[in-house]
Amino acid sequence: MNRFNLGDIIFSNQSNFILIGGINVLESRQLALESAFFYKEVCERLSIPLIFKASYDKANRSSFNSFRGPGIYKGMEIFNEIKEKLELPIITDVHNVEEANIASEICEVIQIPAFLARQTDLVKAIANTKRIVNIKKPQFISPTQVKNIVDKFKAYGNNNLMICERGTNFGYDNLVVDMLGFGIMKKSCYDLPLIFDVTHSLQCRDPGSSFSQGRRAQCLDLAKAAISQKIAGLFLESHPDPSNALCDGPCALPLNLLETFLFQLKELDTLVKKQSDLKIN
């Protein structure tokens, strides 16, 4: 069993699920603080460990006109305020070598974006921060190929790793989630904690469009399917007004549904983890 801790938070496929939850991008200081406060209240009522997520720079958008965020220095100021006021651990994604150490000074968990997870220099820089790392599984590789990314991190001395499933390319402009992949990654990747990114797995794109669409209405269906596979946690982005979100609104859960959504998933997680695995040869 592969497990590690961040304070009282346990990262393990055998433990109660954790939530990596928040907003897609730092649209404003006020939205970040209000959303983090709402997440904290809900998760405390449900006894779900929370790591607050937001991006300071969406550097991998398709369109030049897409909103990117406030940048690393303003972003770190907002994250630091959230940490001080709400006492929440923070996760954010890092897109270049130069920003890895800056982000790690504030954020307890660093995320490597799916499109960049095989970039050796970036892997090295993030591994060397010695922070916990959430590895987004690239959409274009198989579950068995994730081991190569994991081994690269381990070669640079970082074993505190999570693997985050976020869907696989299915033809053009569509993602699917292969539920068999969770078991494959547990077996091939040292039973590292697995996280399911339900938000980005809902993405789809109209042919010719420069902006991703989404299937928000199926968010709970997909999350339940993944939680049934006995995983360590869920990655979720919400927004108080998804239709007017500045990034990935069509995939975001309406914030007012967060508690009902998480309550159902916690019940399912408790049920499946009480059951012993059935070995079928």
Foldseek 3Di string as FASTA:
>chain_A
DDWDDDVPAIFALLDFAAEAEEAAACPDLVQRLVGLVLVVVLCVVVVHHYAYEHEQFPPDALDPPADTHPDLPVVLVSLQVNCVPPVHAYEYEDDDLVCLLVVLVRHQEYEHDQVCLPPLSNLLSNLVSLHQYEYEHHQADALLVVQVSQVSSVVSPHDNYEYEYQFHDDDPFAGDDDLVSVVVNCVNNVNGAYEYELLNNQWGDDPPDSAIAGDQVCSLVVLLSNLLSSGHYYYAHAGCDLVPDSHSSNRHHNSVCVNVSVVVSSVSNVVNSVDDDDDDD
